[in-house]
Amino acid sequence: MARSDLHRLTGRVGGPNCDDDDCPNIYVDTSDGGIVVQGNQCSAFRPPTGEALVKIPEHVLREAVRALGW
């Protein structure tokens, strides 16, 4: 997957100011419809190799759900 395959769902008009790409965001992968989450790394436990834990604020997840029309 390339960054160009990602469509940003959060950080839009009326949402939090994420113009510098430095805050949590949610993207949809336009090539397969997968959801990609950008967030602060969480160290609650060690996930399996190739996986990561990220933590995002609830309002960011709600904004993504609205953007998807769910």
N, C-alpha and C. Protein backbone atom coordinates (compact mmCIF):
# COMPACT_ATOMS: atom_id res chain seq x y z
N MET A 1 0.84 -1.17 0.00
CA MET A 1 0.00 0.00 0.00
C MET A 1 0.89 1.24 0.00
N ALA A 2 0.49 2.21 -0.77
CA ALA A 2 1.20 3.49 -0.83
C ALA A 2 0.34 4.56 -0.16
N ARG A 3 0.98 5.62 0.30
CA ARG A 3 0.22 6.71 0.93
C ARG A 3 -0.85 7.24 -0.02
N SER A 4 -0.58 7.21 -1.30
CA SER A 4 -1.56 7.71 -2.28
C SER A 4 -2.83 6.85 -2.31
N ASP A 5 -2.78 5.62 -1.75
CA ASP A 5 -3.96 4.76 -1.67
C ASP A 5 -4.85 5.11 -0.48
N LEU A 6 -4.40 6.02 0.38
CA LEU A 6 -5.14 6.34 1.59
C LEU A 6 -6.00 7.59 1.40
N HIS A 7 -7.26 7.49 1.80
CA HIS A 7 -8.19 8.63 1.79
C HIS A 7 -8.47 9.00 3.24
N ARG A 8 -8.12 10.21 3.61
CA ARG A 8 -8.25 10.66 4.99
C ARG A 8 -9.72 10.90 5.34
N LEU A 9 -10.16 10.32 6.45
CA LEU A 9 -11.55 10.46 6.89
C LEU A 9 -11.70 11.50 7.99
N THR A 10 -10.65 11.78 8.74
CA THR A 10 -10.73 12.69 9.87
C THR A 10 -9.87 13.92 9.65
N GLY A 11 -10.11 14.95 10.47
CA GLY A 11 -9.32 16.18 10.35
C GLY A 11 -9.87 17.11 9.29
N ARG A 12 -11.12 16.97 8.97
CA ARG A 12 -11.75 17.81 7.95
C ARG A 12 -12.43 19.03 8.59
N VAL A 13 -13.11 19.83 7.79
CA VAL A 13 -13.82 21.02 8.26
C VAL A 13 -14.77 20.63 9.39
N GLY A 14 -14.72 21.38 10.48
CA GLY A 14 -15.56 21.10 11.63
C GLY A 14 -14.95 20.10 12.59
N GLY A 15 -13.86 19.48 12.20
CA GLY A 15 -13.18 18.51 13.05
C GLY A 15 -11.98 19.15 13.72
N PRO A 16 -11.18 18.34 14.41
CA PRO A 16 -9.99 18.89 15.05
C PRO A 16 -8.98 19.36 14.00
N ASN A 17 -8.13 20.29 14.38
CA ASN A 17 -7.13 20.82 13.47
C ASN A 17 -5.96 19.84 13.37
N CYS A 18 -5.90 19.10 12.28
CA CYS A 18 -4.84 18.11 12.06
C CYS A 18 -4.09 18.42 10.78
N ASP A 19 -3.96 19.69 10.46
CA ASP A 19 -3.34 20.08 9.19
C ASP A 19 -1.87 19.72 9.07
N ASP A 20 -1.21 19.50 10.21
CA ASP A 20 0.22 19.22 10.17
C ASP A 20 0.51 17.73 10.18
N ASP A 21 -0.51 16.88 10.00
CA ASP A 21 -0.37 15.42 10.03
C ASP A 21 0.31 14.93 11.30
N ASP A 22 0.08 15.63 12.40
CA ASP A 22 0.76 15.24 13.63
C ASP A 22 -0.22 14.84 14.74
N CYS A 23 -1.45 14.56 14.38
CA CYS A 23 -2.40 14.12 15.40
C CYS A 23 -3.07 12.84 14.91
N PRO A 24 -3.82 12.16 15.76
CA PRO A 24 -4.46 10.92 15.33
C PRO A 24 -5.39 11.16 14.14
N ASN A 25 -5.38 10.24 13.22
CA ASN A 25 -6.24 10.29 12.04
C ASN A 25 -6.67 8.90 11.66
N ILE A 26 -7.73 8.81 10.89
CA ILE A 26 -8.20 7.54 10.37
C ILE A 26 -8.32 7.68 8.86
N TYR A 27 -7.83 6.67 8.17
CA TYR A 27 -7.83 6.65 6.71
C TYR A 27 -8.53 5.39 6.23
N VAL A 28 -9.05 5.41 5.01
CA VAL A 28 -9.54 4.20 4.35
C VAL A 28 -8.59 3.92 3.19
N ASP A 29 -8.20 2.66 3.05
CA ASP A 29 -7.33 2.24 1.96
C ASP A 29 -8.22 2.05 0.74
N THR A 30 -8.07 2.90 -0.27
CA THR A 30 -8.95 2.85 -1.44
C THR A 30 -8.72 1.61 -2.29
N SER A 31 -7.61 0.91 -2.08
CA SER A 31 -7.36 -0.30 -2.88
C SER A 31 -8.13 -1.51 -2.36
N ASP A 32 -8.41 -1.56 -1.03
CA ASP A 32 -9.12 -2.73 -0.51
C ASP A 32 -10.18 -2.41 0.55
N GLY A 33 -10.38 -1.12 0.86
CA GLY A 33 -11.39 -0.73 1.83
C GLY A 33 -10.97 -0.88 3.28
N GLY A 34 -9.73 -1.26 3.52
CA GLY A 34 -9.24 -1.43 4.89
C GLY A 34 -9.14 -0.09 5.62
N ILE A 35 -9.22 -0.13 6.94
CA ILE A 35 -9.12 1.06 7.77
C ILE A 35 -7.70 1.15 8.34
N VAL A 36 -7.10 2.31 8.22
CA VAL A 36 -5.75 2.55 8.74
C VAL A 36 -5.85 3.64 9.80
N VAL A 37 -5.30 3.35 10.98
CA VAL A 37 -5.38 4.27 12.11
C VAL A 37 -3.99 4.81 12.44
N GLN A 38 -3.90 6.13 12.58
CA GLN A 38 -2.68 6.79 13.03
C GLN A 38 -2.97 7.27 14.44
N GLY A 39 -2.12 6.93 15.39
CA GLY A 39 -2.36 7.36 16.76
C GLY A 39 -1.10 7.29 17.59
N ASN A 40 -1.25 7.67 18.84
CA ASN A 40 -0.13 7.59 19.76
C ASN A 40 0.13 6.13 20.10
N GLN A 41 1.39 5.74 20.11
CA GLN A 41 1.73 4.37 20.42
C GLN A 41 1.32 4.04 21.85
N CYS A 42 0.76 2.87 22.02
CA CYS A 42 0.32 2.40 23.33
C CYS A 42 1.19 1.21 23.74
N SER A 43 1.62 1.18 24.97
CA SER A 43 2.49 0.10 25.42
C SER A 43 1.82 -0.77 26.48
N ALA A 44 0.49 -0.92 26.41
CA ALA A 44 -0.24 -1.72 27.40
C ALA A 44 0.21 -3.18 27.39
N PHE A 45 0.52 -3.70 26.22
CA PHE A 45 1.09 -5.04 26.09
C PHE A 45 1.80 -5.13 24.75
N ARG A 46 2.58 -6.15 24.56
CA ARG A 46 3.34 -6.32 23.31
C ARG A 46 2.49 -7.13 22.32
N PRO A 47 2.09 -6.50 21.21
CA PRO A 47 1.30 -7.22 20.21
C PRO A 47 2.19 -8.17 19.40
N PRO A 48 1.59 -9.07 18.63
CA PRO A 48 2.37 -9.97 17.79
C PRO A 48 3.22 -9.21 16.78
N THR A 49 4.25 -9.85 16.30
CA THR A 49 5.13 -9.26 15.29
C THR A 49 4.32 -8.79 14.09
N GLY A 50 4.62 -7.58 13.64
CA GLY A 50 3.94 -7.01 12.49
C GLY A 50 2.69 -6.22 12.84
N GLU A 51 2.31 -6.21 14.12
CA GLU A 51 1.15 -5.45 14.56
C GLU A 51 1.58 -4.37 15.53
N ALA A 52 0.72 -3.40 15.76
CA ALA A 52 1.01 -2.30 16.68
C ALA A 52 -0.26 -1.92 17.42
N LEU A 53 -0.10 -1.39 18.60
CA LEU A 53 -1.21 -0.82 19.35
C LEU A 53 -1.14 0.68 19.22
N VAL A 54 -2.25 1.32 18.87
CA VAL A 54 -2.31 2.78 18.84
C VAL A 54 -3.53 3.22 19.63
N LYS A 55 -3.44 4.41 20.17
CA LYS A 55 -4.52 4.96 20.97
C LYS A 55 -5.00 6.24 20.30
N ILE A 56 -6.32 6.33 20.06
CA ILE A 56 -6.89 7.53 19.44
C ILE A 56 -8.04 8.03 20.30
N PRO A 57 -8.27 9.33 20.32
CA PRO A 57 -9.39 9.87 21.07
C PRO A 57 -10.73 9.41 20.49
N GLU A 58 -11.72 9.26 21.33
CA GLU A 58 -13.04 8.82 20.90
C GLU A 58 -13.62 9.73 19.81
N HIS A 59 -13.42 11.05 19.94
CA HIS A 59 -14.01 11.97 18.95
C HIS A 59 -13.44 11.73 17.55
N VAL A 60 -12.21 11.25 17.45
CA VAL A 60 -11.63 10.97 16.13
C VAL A 60 -12.32 9.76 15.51
N LEU A 61 -12.56 8.73 16.32
CA LEU A 61 -13.26 7.55 15.82
C LEU A 61 -14.69 7.90 15.41
N ARG A 62 -15.38 8.72 16.20
CA ARG A 62 -16.74 9.14 15.86
C ARG A 62 -16.75 9.92 14.55
N GLU A 63 -15.76 10.78 14.35
CA GLU A 63 -15.67 11.56 13.12
C GLU A 63 -15.50 10.65 11.91
N ALA A 64 -14.69 9.61 12.06
CA ALA A 64 -14.48 8.66 10.96
C ALA A 64 -15.76 7.90 10.64
N VAL A 65 -16.49 7.49 11.66
CA VAL A 65 -17.76 6.78 11.46
C VAL A 65 -18.74 7.67 10.71
N ARG A 66 -18.81 8.95 11.09
CA ARG A 66 -19.69 9.88 10.37
C ARG A 66 -19.27 10.03 8.91
N ALA A 67 -17.94 10.14 8.69
CA ALA A 67 -17.44 10.32 7.33
C ALA A 67 -17.77 9.11 6.44
N LEU A 68 -17.82 7.92 7.04
CA LEU A 68 -18.16 6.71 6.29
C LEU A 68 -19.66 6.53 6.15
N GLY A 69 -20.45 7.32 6.87
CA GLY A 69 -21.89 7.22 6.79
C GLY A 69 -22.47 6.02 7.52
N TRP A 70 -21.76 5.52 8.52
CA TRP A 70 -22.23 4.35 9.28
C TRP A 70 -23.22 4.75 10.32
